């Protein structure tokens, strides 16, 4: 500690240096799914920013996605909306906020338009295209869901969540053999244990008539969020 203090005395850290360190520490914890431990790093970073500018969107976004994972939705929504006011054309924010609303059955029209805007800005991002497909699925637009989810899997063929989503949509439009193929494919891609059990059940007995309320839907939004943030 003494050596570190001596270095800092000689070369004081700038606010920019401190922000970079706090962001890096928060992101390491977030990548390890230690969301509660990540939040204070973003709190400290934002305390150093008296007047947030566009470039500070990343701290609100990162803290907001951490809160969402901790199921503190009111805090998550406030941070994501703040991030969006700072950077209205940032696809990751548009995707995460829009998707979260649709997943909860709230602000459906607005949520859809946010995701559509994100896809228009990043049409080659399979996770964001998947969000749009799954948003259509959640609202019962199965033909549109298939169209976007097929494209998402084309862009990101090795993600079990995307293959699973496509399987569900294909089943709903009566393409049951193709649906089972996608679920099989999802199983080969090492899904999370709880997803693996659900997929095996679908392979045995298909889908029930009822639509899911929130079936692992934040997952691909989070994936997109964990990719390049800057």
Protein backbone atom coordinates (compact mmCIF):
# COMPACT_ATOMS: atom_id res chain seq x y z
CA UNK A 1 0.00 0.00 0.00
CA UNK A 2 2.84 2.38 0.88
CA UNK A 3 4.48 1.80 -2.51
CA UNK A 4 1.19 2.44 -4.32
CA UNK A 5 0.64 5.63 -2.30
CA UNK A 6 4.16 6.77 -3.14
CA UNK A 7 3.59 6.17 -6.87
CA UNK A 8 0.31 8.09 -6.72
CA UNK A 9 2.01 10.94 -4.86
CA UNK A 10 4.54 11.21 -7.66
CA UNK A 11 2.05 10.63 -10.45
CA UNK A 12 -1.45 11.49 -9.21
CA UNK A 13 -4.21 9.60 -11.00
CA UNK A 14 -6.41 11.79 -13.15
CA UNK A 15 -10.20 11.46 -13.04
CA UNK A 16 -9.94 9.76 -16.42
CA UNK A 17 -7.46 7.18 -15.01
CA UNK A 18 -9.74 6.49 -12.03
CA UNK A 19 -12.79 6.06 -14.29
CA UNK A 20 -10.90 3.59 -16.47
CA UNK A 21 -9.79 1.53 -13.45
CA UNK A 22 -13.28 1.48 -11.87
CA UNK A 23 -14.87 0.56 -15.21
CA UNK A 24 -12.39 -2.29 -15.73
CA UNK A 25 -12.93 -3.67 -12.21
CA UNK A 26 -16.72 -3.44 -12.56
CA UNK A 27 -16.63 -5.18 -15.93
CA UNK A 28 -14.47 -8.03 -14.62
CA UNK A 29 -16.98 -8.64 -11.82
CA UNK A 30 -19.92 -8.38 -14.22
CA UNK A 31 -18.32 -10.91 -16.57
CA UNK A 32 -18.06 -13.27 -13.58
CA UNK A 33 -21.76 -12.66 -12.82
CA UNK A 34 -20.84 -10.96 -9.51
CA UNK A 35 -23.36 -8.18 -10.12
CA UNK A 36 -23.80 -7.02 -6.52
CA UNK A 37 -20.02 -6.58 -6.23
CA UNK A 38 -19.86 -4.75 -9.56
CA UNK A 39 -22.42 -2.04 -8.71
CA UNK A 40 -20.29 -0.09 -6.17
CA UNK A 41 -17.52 0.35 -8.77
CA UNK A 42 -19.99 2.06 -11.12
CA UNK A 43 -21.33 4.09 -8.16
CA UNK A 44 -17.79 5.33 -7.49
CA UNK A 45 -17.21 6.07 -11.17
CA UNK A 46 -20.42 8.11 -11.43
CA UNK A 47 -19.56 9.99 -8.23
CA UNK A 48 -16.51 11.32 -10.12
CA UNK A 49 -18.74 12.67 -12.92
CA UNK A 50 -20.61 15.78 -11.73
CA UNK A 51 -22.05 16.52 -15.19
CA UNK A 52 -22.48 13.34 -17.26
CA UNK A 53 -21.72 13.56 -20.99
CA UNK A 54 -22.38 11.14 -23.83
CA UNK A 55 -19.17 9.16 -23.20
CA UNK A 56 -20.34 8.36 -19.65
CA UNK A 57 -23.26 6.24 -20.91
CA UNK A 58 -21.21 3.07 -20.30
CA UNK A 59 -21.30 3.44 -16.50
CA UNK A 60 -25.08 3.88 -16.38
CA UNK A 61 -25.54 1.02 -18.84
CA UNK A 62 -23.23 -1.32 -16.94
CA UNK A 63 -24.82 -0.48 -13.59
CA UNK A 64 -28.32 -0.75 -15.09
CA UNK A 65 -27.68 -4.20 -16.56
CA UNK A 66 -26.20 -5.29 -13.20
CA UNK A 67 -29.33 -4.08 -11.40
CA UNK A 68 -31.50 -5.93 -13.94
CA UNK A 69 -29.61 -9.13 -13.20
CA UNK A 70 -30.16 -8.51 -9.47
CA UNK A 71 -33.91 -8.14 -10.20
CA UNK A 72 -33.90 -4.52 -9.02
CA UNK A 73 -35.88 -3.36 -12.03
CA UNK A 74 -36.73 0.19 -10.90
CA UNK A 75 -33.02 1.01 -10.45
CA UNK A 76 -32.15 -0.78 -13.71
CA UNK A 77 -34.77 1.11 -15.69
CA UNK A 78 -33.64 4.49 -14.29
CA UNK A 79 -30.01 3.79 -15.27
CA UNK A 80 -30.86 2.45 -18.73
CA UNK A 81 -33.11 5.44 -19.45
CA UNK A 82 -30.35 7.81 -18.26
CA UNK A 83 -27.84 6.02 -20.53
CA UNK A 84 -30.26 6.41 -23.45
CA UNK A 85 -30.72 10.16 -22.85
CA UNK A 86 -26.92 10.53 -22.96
CA UNK A 87 -26.56 8.41 -26.13
CA UNK A 88 -29.90 7.96 -27.94
CA UNK A 89 -28.42 5.95 -30.86
CA UNK A 90 -26.48 3.36 -28.84
CA UNK A 91 -27.71 -0.08 -30.02
CA UNK A 92 -26.81 -1.92 -26.80
CA UNK A 93 -28.96 0.41 -24.67
CA UNK A 94 -31.83 0.39 -27.18
CA UNK A 95 -31.74 -3.40 -27.25
CA UNK A 96 -31.49 -3.98 -23.50
CA UNK A 97 -34.16 -1.47 -22.47
CA UNK A 98 -36.57 -2.36 -25.28
CA UNK A 99 -36.15 -6.05 -24.66
CA UNK A 100 -36.60 -5.75 -20.91
CA UNK A 101 -39.88 -3.89 -21.37
CA UNK A 102 -41.25 -6.49 -23.79
CA UNK A 103 -40.06 -9.32 -21.55
CA UNK A 104 -42.15 -7.79 -18.74
CA UNK A 105 -45.15 -7.13 -20.99
CA UNK A 106 -44.80 -3.36 -20.51
CA UNK A 107 -44.42 -0.47 -22.97
CA UNK A 108 -44.74 -3.00 -25.81
CA UNK A 109 -44.99 -0.51 -28.66
CA UNK A 110 -42.14 1.65 -27.41
CA UNK A 111 -40.01 -1.39 -26.57
CA UNK A 112 -40.51 -2.75 -30.07
CA UNK A 113 -39.51 0.53 -31.67
CA UNK A 114 -36.31 0.66 -29.56
CA UNK A 115 -35.32 -2.85 -30.67
CA UNK A 116 -36.17 -2.09 -34.32
CA UNK A 117 -33.93 0.98 -34.11
CA UNK A 118 -31.12 -1.14 -32.60
CA UNK A 119 -31.43 -3.66 -35.47
CA UNK A 120 -31.38 -0.84 -38.04
CA UNK A 121 -28.15 0.45 -36.45
CA UNK A 122 -26.52 -3.01 -36.08
CA UNK A 123 -28.16 -5.36 -38.60
CA UNK A 124 -25.25 -7.84 -38.40
CA UNK A 125 -25.49 -8.33 -34.61
CA UNK A 126 -27.12 -11.73 -34.13
CA UNK A 127 -28.04 -11.08 -30.51
CA UNK A 128 -29.88 -7.87 -31.32
CA UNK A 129 -31.66 -9.49 -34.30
CA UNK A 130 -32.61 -12.31 -31.90
CA UNK A 131 -34.14 -9.74 -29.54
CA UNK A 132 -36.40 -8.52 -32.34
CA UNK A 133 -37.38 -12.06 -33.30
CA UNK A 134 -38.15 -13.01 -29.71
CA UNK A 135 -40.09 -9.78 -29.17
CA UNK A 136 -42.31 -10.78 -32.12
CA UNK A 137 -42.62 -14.28 -30.64
CA UNK A 138 -43.68 -12.93 -27.23
CA UNK A 139 -46.44 -10.97 -28.96
CA UNK A 140 -47.65 -13.94 -31.00
CA UNK A 141 -46.26 -12.74 -34.37
CA UNK A 142 -44.80 -16.15 -35.16
CA UNK A 143 -44.11 -15.72 -38.88
CA UNK A 144 -42.10 -12.54 -38.20
CA UNK A 145 -40.42 -14.29 -35.29
CA UNK A 146 -39.22 -17.13 -37.54
CA UNK A 147 -37.89 -14.68 -40.12
CA UNK A 148 -35.76 -12.74 -37.64
CA UNK A 149 -34.71 -15.74 -35.56
CA UNK A 150 -33.51 -17.60 -38.66
CA UNK A 151 -31.41 -14.57 -39.50
CA UNK A 152 -30.09 -14.37 -35.90
CA UNK A 153 -28.96 -18.02 -35.98
CA UNK A 154 -27.34 -17.43 -39.36
CA UNK A 155 -25.34 -14.57 -37.78
CA UNK A 156 -24.58 -16.40 -34.48
CA UNK A 157 -24.84 -20.13 -35.20
CA UNK A 158 -23.08 -21.32 -32.04
CA UNK A 159 -25.28 -19.88 -29.31
CA UNK A 160 -27.71 -22.33 -27.64
CA UNK A 161 -30.20 -19.60 -26.63
CA UNK A 162 -30.65 -18.42 -30.22
CA UNK A 163 -31.10 -21.96 -31.56
CA UNK A 164 -33.61 -22.68 -28.79
CA UNK A 165 -35.58 -19.52 -29.62
CA UNK A 166 -35.72 -20.48 -33.30
CA UNK A 167 -36.92 -23.97 -32.37
CA UNK A 168 -39.80 -22.49 -30.37
CA UNK A 169 -40.85 -20.19 -33.22
CA UNK A 170 -40.70 -22.99 -35.81
CA UNK A 171 -42.90 -25.17 -33.60
CA UNK A 172 -45.50 -22.40 -33.36
CA UNK A 173 -45.79 -22.17 -37.16
CA UNK A 174 -46.20 -25.93 -37.51
CA UNK A 175 -42.66 -26.74 -38.68
CA UNK A 176 -42.23 -29.31 -35.93
CA UNK A 177 -39.48 -31.46 -37.46
CA UNK A 178 -37.32 -28.36 -38.05
CA UNK A 179 -38.09 -27.16 -34.51
CA UNK A 180 -36.76 -30.43 -33.06
CA UNK A 181 -33.64 -30.10 -35.19
CA UNK A 182 -32.99 -26.63 -33.68
CA UNK A 183 -33.58 -27.87 -30.13
CA UNK A 184 -31.18 -30.77 -30.80
CA UNK A 185 -28.68 -28.26 -32.11
CA UNK A 186 -29.11 -26.11 -28.97
CA UNK A 187 -28.33 -29.14 -26.78
CA UNK A 188 -25.05 -29.78 -28.61
CA UNK A 189 -23.97 -26.17 -27.84
CA UNK A 190 -23.79 -26.69 -24.05
CA UNK A 191 -26.73 -24.60 -22.77
CA UNK A 192 -27.07 -23.59 -19.11
CA UNK A 193 -28.24 -26.56 -16.98
CA UNK A 194 -31.74 -25.13 -16.39
CA UNK A 195 -32.12 -24.49 -20.14
CA UNK A 196 -30.90 -28.00 -20.95
CA UNK A 197 -33.72 -29.51 -18.89
CA UNK A 198 -36.32 -27.32 -20.62
CA UNK A 199 -35.01 -28.20 -24.09
CA UNK A 200 -35.07 -31.94 -23.32
CA UNK A 201 -38.70 -31.64 -22.22
CA UNK A 202 -39.57 -29.82 -25.47
CA UNK A 203 -37.89 -32.58 -27.51
CA UNK A 204 -40.05 -35.14 -25.69
CA UNK A 205 -43.41 -33.39 -25.82
CA UNK A 206 -43.14 -30.17 -27.86
CA UNK A 207 -44.50 -26.86 -26.66
CA UNK A 208 -47.69 -26.31 -24.71
CA UNK A 209 -50.29 -23.96 -26.15
CA UNK A 210 -49.50 -21.24 -23.58
CA UNK A 211 -46.87 -18.65 -24.40
CA UNK A 212 -44.03 -18.11 -21.93
CA UNK A 213 -44.06 -15.00 -19.80
CA UNK A 214 -40.29 -14.65 -19.51
CA UNK A 215 -38.34 -17.69 -20.67
CA UNK A 216 -34.64 -16.86 -20.42
CA UNK A 217 -35.23 -13.82 -22.55
CA UNK A 218 -32.80 -11.45 -20.97
CA UNK A 219 -30.00 -13.83 -21.82
CA UNK A 220 -29.22 -12.73 -25.31
CA UNK A 221 -29.65 -9.09 -24.35
CA UNK A 222 -27.03 -9.64 -21.70
CA UNK A 223 -24.78 -11.42 -24.18
CA UNK A 224 -24.94 -8.43 -26.48
CA UNK A 225 -24.22 -6.20 -23.54
CA UNK A 226 -21.15 -8.16 -22.58
CA UNK A 227 -19.66 -7.75 -26.05
CA UNK A 228 -17.88 -4.56 -27.02
CA UNK A 229 -19.25 -1.69 -24.94
CA UNK A 230 -17.31 1.25 -26.22
